[in-house]
Amino acid sequence: EDTLAAAQEFAESTGAHFIHPFDHPDV
């Protein structure tokens, strides 16, 4: 949960695209 929060914060601050481990139709 800590890593998910950090990754989402990173995505918001840098514009990097967050790749969820399972919650996306392409995944």
PDB file of all heavy atoms in Angstrom:
ATOM      1  N   GLU A   1       0.830  -1.206   0.000  1.00  0.00           N
ATOM      2  CA  GLU A   1       0.000   0.000   0.000  1.00  0.00           C
ATOM      3  C   GLU A   1       0.867   1.259   0.000  1.00  0.00           C
ATOM      4  O   GLU A   1       0.544   2.254  -0.645  1.00  0.00           O
ATOM      5  CB  GLU A   1      -0.951   0.022   1.203  1.00  0.00           C
ATOM      6  CG  GLU A   1      -2.030  -1.036   1.154  1.00  0.00           C
ATOM      7  CD  GLU A   1      -1.537  -2.438   1.538  1.00  0.00           C
ATOM      8  OE1 GLU A   1      -0.504  -2.571   2.227  1.00  0.00           O
ATOM      9  OE2 GLU A   1      -2.193  -3.405   1.121  1.00  0.00           O
ATOM     10  N   ASP A   2       1.984   1.213   0.740  1.00  0.00           N
ATOM     11  CA  ASP A   2       2.905   2.354   0.787  1.00  0.00           C
ATOM     12  C   ASP A   2       3.530   2.600  -0.579  1.00  0.00           C
ATOM     13  O   ASP A   2       3.678   3.746  -1.011  1.00  0.00           O
ATOM     14  CB  ASP A   2       4.019   2.112   1.815  1.00  0.00           C
ATOM     15  CG  ASP A   2       3.490   1.898   3.227  1.00  0.00           C
ATOM     16  OD1 ASP A   2       2.462   2.503   3.582  1.00  0.00           O
ATOM     17  OD2 ASP A   2       4.113   1.101   3.962  1.00  0.00           O
ATOM     18  N   THR A   3       3.894   1.521  -1.255  1.00  0.00           N
ATOM     19  CA  THR A   3       4.532   1.665  -2.569  1.00  0.00           C
ATOM     20  C   THR A   3       3.510   2.159  -3.602  1.00  0.00           C
ATOM     21  O   THR A   3       3.862   2.965  -4.467  1.00  0.00           O
ATOM     22  CB  THR A   3       5.179   0.354  -3.043  1.00  0.00           C
ATOM     23  OG1 THR A   3       4.182  -0.642  -3.193  1.00  0.00           O
ATOM     24  CG2 THR A   3       6.246  -0.120  -2.080  1.00  0.00           C
ATOM     25  N   LEU A   4       2.274   1.684  -3.498  1.00  0.00           N
ATOM     26  CA  LEU A   4       1.225   2.162  -4.413  1.00  0.00           C
ATOM     27  C   LEU A   4       1.008   3.662  -4.252  1.00  0.00           C
ATOM     28  O   LEU A   4       0.926   4.400  -5.242  1.00  0.00           O
ATOM     29  CB  LEU A   4      -0.084   1.408  -4.170  1.00  0.00           C
ATOM     30  CG  LEU A   4      -0.191   0.017  -4.775  1.00  0.00           C
ATOM     31  CD1 LEU A   4      -1.386  -0.737  -4.208  1.00  0.00           C
ATOM     32  CD2 LEU A   4      -0.277   0.089  -6.284  1.00  0.00           C
ATOM     33  N   ALA A   5       0.934   4.117  -3.018  1.00  0.00           N
ATOM     34  CA  ALA A   5       0.740   5.550  -2.764  1.00  0.00           C
ATOM     35  C   ALA A   5       1.921   6.357  -3.304  1.00  0.00           C
ATOM     36  O   ALA A   5       1.728   7.396  -3.948  1.00  0.00           O
ATOM     37  CB  ALA A   5       0.562   5.805  -1.265  1.00  0.00           C
ATOM     38  N   ALA A   6       3.133   5.873  -3.082  1.00  0.00           N
ATOM     39  CA  ALA A   6       4.327   6.582  -3.566  1.00  0.00           C
ATOM     40  C   ALA A   6       4.352   6.627  -5.090  1.00  0.00           C
ATOM     41  O   ALA A   6       4.697   7.651  -5.690  1.00  0.00           O
ATOM     42  CB  ALA A   6       5.588   5.918  -3.025  1.00  0.00           C
ATOM     43  N   ALA A   7       3.994   5.522  -5.732  1.00  0.00           N
ATOM     44  CA  ALA A   7       3.989   5.469  -7.195  1.00  0.00           C
ATOM     45  C   ALA A   7       2.934   6.417  -7.767  1.00  0.00           C
ATOM     46  O   ALA A   7       3.183   7.117  -8.767  1.00  0.00           O
ATOM     47  CB  ALA A   7       3.739   4.043  -7.673  1.00  0.00           C
ATOM     48  N   GLN A   8       1.773   6.463  -7.140  1.00  0.00           N
ATOM     49  CA  GLN A   8       0.719   7.353  -7.630  1.00  0.00           C
ATOM     50  C   GLN A   8       1.108   8.821  -7.436  1.00  0.00           C
ATOM     51  O   GLN A   8       0.855   9.653  -8.305  1.00  0.00           O
ATOM     52  CB  GLN A   8      -0.606   7.018  -6.959  1.00  0.00           C
ATOM     53  CG  GLN A   8      -1.155   5.698  -7.483  1.00  0.00           C
ATOM     54  CD  GLN A   8      -2.336   5.162  -6.702  1.00  0.00           C
ATOM     55  OE1 GLN A   8      -2.508   5.449  -5.524  1.00  0.00           O
ATOM     56  NE2 GLN A   8      -3.145   4.355  -7.364  1.00  0.00           N
ATOM     57  N   GLU A   9       1.765   9.136  -6.315  1.00  0.00           N
ATOM     58  CA  GLU A   9       2.262  10.506  -6.095  1.00  0.00           C
ATOM     59  C   GLU A   9       3.305  10.862  -7.146  1.00  0.00           C
ATOM     60  O   GLU A   9       3.312  11.967  -7.687  1.00  0.00           O
ATOM     61  CB  GLU A   9       2.867  10.630  -4.692  1.00  0.00           C
ATOM     62  CG  GLU A   9       1.860  10.672  -3.580  1.00  0.00           C
ATOM     63  CD  GLU A   9       2.522  10.659  -2.196  1.00  0.00           C
ATOM     64  OE1 GLU A   9       3.702  11.080  -2.079  1.00  0.00           O
ATOM     65  OE2 GLU A   9       1.854  10.221  -1.244  1.00  0.00           O
ATOM     66  N   PHE A  10       4.196   9.911  -7.442  1.00  0.00           N
ATOM     67  CA  PHE A  10       5.236  10.124  -8.457  1.00  0.00           C
ATOM     68  C   PHE A  10       4.578  10.395  -9.813  1.00  0.00           C
ATOM     69  O   PHE A  10       4.998  11.300 -10.546  1.00  0.00           O
ATOM     70  CB  PHE A  10       6.143   8.893  -8.533  1.00  0.00           C
ATOM     71  CG  PHE A  10       7.272   9.024  -9.508  1.00  0.00           C
ATOM     72  CD1 PHE A  10       8.478   9.601  -9.126  1.00  0.00           C
ATOM     73  CD2 PHE A  10       7.150   8.549 -10.808  1.00  0.00           C
ATOM     74  CE1 PHE A  10       9.539   9.716 -10.034  1.00  0.00           C
ATOM     75  CE2 PHE A  10       8.194   8.655 -11.717  1.00  0.00           C
ATOM     76  CZ  PHE A  10       9.393   9.238 -11.324  1.00  0.00           C
ATOM     77  N   ALA A  11       3.561   9.615 -10.164  1.00  0.00           N
ATOM     78  CA  ALA A  11       2.864   9.793 -11.441  1.00  0.00           C
ATOM     79  C   ALA A  11       2.255  11.191 -11.527  1.00  0.00           C
ATOM     80  O   ALA A  11       2.371  11.874 -12.560  1.00  0.00           O
ATOM     81  CB  ALA A  11       1.792   8.725 -11.617  1.00  0.00           C
ATOM     82  N   GLU A  12       1.618  11.624 -10.450  1.00  0.00           N
ATOM     83  CA  GLU A  12       0.992  12.941 -10.430  1.00  0.00           C
ATOM     84  C   GLU A  12       2.016  14.063 -10.542  1.00  0.00           C
ATOM     85  O   GLU A  12       1.777  15.067 -11.219  1.00  0.00           O
ATOM     86  CB  GLU A  12       0.148  13.112  -9.170  1.00  0.00           C
ATOM     87  CG  GLU A  12      -1.097  12.248  -9.170  1.00  0.00           C
ATOM     88  CD  GLU A  12      -1.815  12.222  -7.821  1.00  0.00           C
ATOM     89  OE1 GLU A  12      -1.498  13.048  -6.939  1.00  0.00           O
ATOM     90  OE2 GLU A  12      -2.685  11.341  -7.659  1.00  0.00           O
ATOM     91  N   SER A  13       3.155  13.917  -9.894  1.00  0.00           N
ATOM     92  CA  SER A  13       4.144  15.000  -9.885  1.00  0.00           C
ATOM     93  C   SER A  13       5.026  15.030 -11.133  1.00  0.00           C
ATOM     94  O   SER A  13       5.539  16.091 -11.491  1.00  0.00           O
ATOM     95  CB  SER A  13       5.016  14.921  -8.631  1.00  0.00           C
ATOM     96  OG  SER A  13       5.850  13.787  -8.675  1.00  0.00           O
ATOM     97  N   THR A  14       5.185  13.899 -11.817  1.00  0.00           N
ATOM     98  CA  THR A  14       6.095  13.854 -12.974  1.00  0.00           C
ATOM     99  C   THR A  14       5.385  13.679 -14.308  1.00  0.00           C
ATOM    100  O   THR A  14       5.987  13.916 -15.361  1.00  0.00           O
ATOM    101  CB  THR A  14       7.096  12.691 -12.840  1.00  0.00           C
ATOM    102  OG1 THR A  14       6.378  11.454 -12.909  1.00  0.00           O
ATOM    103  CG2 THR A  14       7.905  12.790 -11.560  1.00  0.00           C
ATOM    104  N   GLY A  15       4.149  13.220 -14.271  1.00  0.00           N
ATOM    105  CA  GLY A  15       3.447  12.930 -15.516  1.00  0.00           C
ATOM    106  C   GLY A  15       3.702  11.525 -16.040  1.00  0.00           C
ATOM    107  O   GLY A  15       3.186  11.141 -17.086  1.00  0.00           O
ATOM    108  N   ALA A  16       4.512  10.748 -15.307  1.00  0.00           N
ATOM    109  CA  ALA A  16       4.741   9.353 -15.704  1.00  0.00           C
ATOM    110  C   ALA A  16       3.412   8.609 -15.672  1.00  0.00           C
ATOM    111  O   ALA A  16       2.537   8.910 -14.864  1.00  0.00           O
ATOM    112  CB  ALA A  16       5.754   8.690 -14.770  1.00  0.00           C
ATOM    113  N   HIS A  17       3.264   7.639 -16.545  1.00  0.00           N
ATOM    114  CA  HIS A  17       2.008   6.887 -16.632  1.00  0.00           C
ATOM    115  C   HIS A  17       2.045   5.726 -15.640  1.00  0.00           C
ATOM    116  O   HIS A  17       2.943   4.887 -15.700  1.00  0.00           O
ATOM    117  CB  HIS A  17       1.795   6.384 -18.056  1.00  0.00           C
ATOM    118  CG  HIS A  17       0.395   5.985 -18.320  1.00  0.00           C
ATOM    119  ND1 HIS A  17      -0.592   6.894 -18.610  1.00  0.00           N
ATOM    120  CD2 HIS A  17      -0.195   4.776 -18.290  1.00  0.00           C
ATOM    121  CE1 HIS A  17      -1.729   6.254 -18.767  1.00  0.00           C
ATOM    122  NE2 HIS A  17      -1.525   4.964 -18.577  1.00  0.00           N
ATOM    123  N   PHE A  18       1.071   5.659 -14.736  1.00  0.00           N
ATOM    124  CA  PHE A  18       1.008   4.611 -13.731  1.00  0.00           C
ATOM    125  C   PHE A  18       0.511   3.317 -14.370  1.00  0.00           C
ATOM    126  O   PHE A  18      -0.534   3.295 -15.015  1.00  0.00           O
ATOM    127  CB  PHE A  18       0.084   5.020 -12.581  1.00  0.00           C
ATOM    128  CG  PHE A  18      -0.038   3.962 -11.511  1.00  0.00           C
ATOM    129  CD1 PHE A  18       1.026   3.660 -10.686  1.00  0.00           C
ATOM    130  CD2 PHE A  18      -1.224   3.270 -11.334  1.00  0.00           C
ATOM    131  CE1 PHE A  18       0.921   2.682  -9.704  1.00  0.00           C
ATOM    132  CE2 PHE A  18      -1.348   2.293 -10.358  1.00  0.00           C
ATOM    133  CZ  PHE A  18      -0.265   2.001  -9.542  1.00  0.00           C
ATOM    134  N   ILE A  19       1.267   2.236 -14.181  1.00  0.00           N
ATOM    135  CA  ILE A  19       0.905   0.917 -14.703  1.00  0.00           C
ATOM    136  C   ILE A  19       0.461   0.061 -13.527  1.00  0.00           C
ATOM    137  O   ILE A  19       1.272  -0.418 -12.731  1.00  0.00           O
ATOM    138  CB  ILE A  19       2.092   0.249 -15.444  1.00  0.00           C
ATOM    139  CG1 ILE A  19       2.660   1.166 -16.529  1.00  0.00           C
ATOM    140  CG2 ILE A  19       1.660  -1.108 -16.006  1.00  0.00           C
ATOM    141  CD1 ILE A  19       1.676   1.538 -17.626  1.00  0.00           C
ATOM    142  N   HIS A  20      -0.849  -0.109 -13.421  1.00  0.00           N
ATOM    143  CA  HIS A  20      -1.412  -0.880 -12.312  1.00  0.00           C
ATOM    144  C   HIS A  20      -1.111  -2.369 -12.519  1.00  0.00           C
ATOM    145  O   HIS A  20      -1.101  -2.852 -13.651  1.00  0.00           O
ATOM    146  CB  HIS A  20      -2.925  -0.649 -12.233  1.00  0.00           C
ATOM    147  CG  HIS A  20      -3.508  -1.053 -10.927  1.00  0.00           C
ATOM    148  ND1 HIS A  20      -3.768  -2.364 -10.617  1.00  0.00           N
ATOM    149  CD2 HIS A  20      -3.848  -0.327  -9.843  1.00  0.00           C
ATOM    150  CE1 HIS A  20      -4.262  -2.434  -9.391  1.00  0.00           C
ATOM    151  NE2 HIS A  20      -4.319  -1.203  -8.901  1.00  0.00           N
ATOM    152  N   PRO A  21      -0.879  -3.122 -11.445  1.00  0.00           N
ATOM    153  CA  PRO A  21      -0.522  -4.540 -11.598  1.00  0.00           C
ATOM    154  C   PRO A  21      -1.650  -5.431 -12.121  1.00  0.00           C
ATOM    155  O   PRO A  21      -1.385  -6.515 -12.634  1.00  0.00           O
ATOM    156  CB  PRO A  21      -0.097  -4.968 -10.198  1.00  0.00           C
ATOM    157  CG  PRO A  21      -0.611  -3.926  -9.274  1.00  0.00           C
ATOM    158  CD  PRO A  21      -0.791  -2.667 -10.061  1.00  0.00           C
ATOM    159  N   PHE A  22      -2.910  -4.976 -12.009  1.00  0.00           N
ATOM    160  CA  PHE A  22      -3.994  -5.834 -12.499  1.00  0.00           C
ATOM    161  C   PHE A  22      -5.248  -5.083 -12.906  1.00  0.00           C
ATOM    162  O   PHE A  22      -6.080  -5.624 -13.622  1.00  0.00           O
ATOM    163  CB  PHE A  22      -4.373  -6.893 -11.447  1.00  0.00           C
ATOM    164  CG  PHE A  22      -4.786  -6.325 -10.129  1.00  0.00           C
ATOM    165  CD1 PHE A  22      -6.084  -5.883  -9.909  1.00  0.00           C
ATOM    166  CD2 PHE A  22      -3.862  -6.202  -9.092  1.00  0.00           C
ATOM    167  CE1 PHE A  22      -6.462  -5.347  -8.687  1.00  0.00           C
ATOM    168  CE2 PHE A  22      -4.224  -5.674  -7.865  1.00  0.00           C
ATOM    169  CZ  PHE A  22      -5.534  -5.246  -7.664  1.00  0.00           C
ATOM    170  N   ASP A  23      -5.422  -3.865 -12.486  1.00  0.00           N
ATOM    171  CA  ASP A  23      -6.695  -3.171 -12.653  1.00  0.00           C
ATOM    172  C   ASP A  23      -6.734  -2.304 -13.914  1.00  0.00           C
ATOM    173  O   ASP A  23      -6.915  -1.088 -13.845  1.00  0.00           O
ATOM    174  CB  ASP A  23      -6.992  -2.341 -11.410  1.00  0.00           C
ATOM    175  CG  ASP A  23      -8.437  -1.885 -11.351  1.00  0.00           C
ATOM    176  OD1 ASP A  23      -9.256  -2.412 -12.113  1.00  0.00           O
ATOM    177  OD2 ASP A  23      -8.744  -0.995 -10.536  1.00  0.00           O
ATOM    178  N   HIS A  24      -6.566  -2.937 -15.066  1.00  0.00           N
ATOM    179  CA  HIS A  24      -6.718  -2.256 -16.347  1.00  0.00           C
ATOM    180  C   HIS A  24      -7.015  -3.304 -17.408  1.00  0.00           C
ATOM    181  O   HIS A  24      -6.405  -4.377 -17.402  1.00  0.00           O
ATOM    182  CB  HIS A  24      -5.451  -1.467 -16.706  1.00  0.00           C
ATOM    183  CG  HIS A  24      -5.677  -0.554 -17.865  1.00  0.00           C
ATOM    184  ND1 HIS A  24      -5.657  -1.015 -19.160  1.00  0.00           N
ATOM    185  CD2 HIS A  24      -5.966   0.768 -17.922  1.00  0.00           C
ATOM    186  CE1 HIS A  24      -5.913   0.002 -19.977  1.00  0.00           C
ATOM    187  NE2 HIS A  24      -6.102   1.092 -19.245  1.00  0.00           N
ATOM    188  N   PRO A  25      -7.930  -3.018 -18.330  1.00  0.00           N
ATOM    189  CA  PRO A  25      -8.274  -4.016 -19.349  1.00  0.00           C
ATOM    190  C   PRO A  25      -7.080  -4.524 -20.172  1.00  0.00           C
ATOM    191  O   PRO A  25      -7.033  -5.705 -20.517  1.00  0.00           O
ATOM    192  CB  PRO A  25      -9.278  -3.282 -20.241  1.00  0.00           C
ATOM    193  CG  PRO A  25      -9.887  -2.245 -19.358  1.00  0.00           C
ATOM    194  CD  PRO A  25      -8.788  -1.835 -18.405  1.00  0.00           C
ATOM    195  N   ASP A  26      -6.110  -3.662 -20.476  1.00  0.00           N
ATOM    196  CA  ASP A  26      -4.936  -4.118 -21.237  1.00  0.00           C
ATOM    197  C   ASP A  26      -4.106  -5.107 -20.428  1.00  0.00           C
ATOM    198  O   ASP A  26      -3.576  -6.079 -20.974  1.00  0.00           O
ATOM    199  CB  ASP A  26      -4.052  -2.938 -21.655  1.00  0.00           C
ATOM    200  CG  ASP A  26      -4.692  -2.068 -22.721  1.00  0.00           C
ATOM    201  OD1 ASP A  26      -5.588  -2.557 -23.440  1.00  0.00           O
ATOM    202  OD2 ASP A  26      -4.279  -0.892 -22.831  1.00  0.00           O
ATOM    203  N   VAL A  27      -3.970  -4.852 -19.139  1.00  0.00           N
ATOM    204  CA  VAL A  27      -3.220  -5.764 -18.263  1.00  0.00           C
ATOM    205  C   VAL A  27      -3.947  -7.108 -18.182  1.00  0.00           C
ATOM    206  O   VAL A  27      -3.330  -8.169 -18.316  1.00  0.00           O
ATOM    207  CB  VAL A  27      -3.013  -5.151 -16.859  1.00  0.00           C
ATOM    208  CG1 VAL A  27      -2.360  -6.160 -15.916  1.00  0.00           C
ATOM    209  CG2 VAL A  27      -2.176  -3.881 -16.950  1.00  0.00           C
TER     210      VAL A  27
END
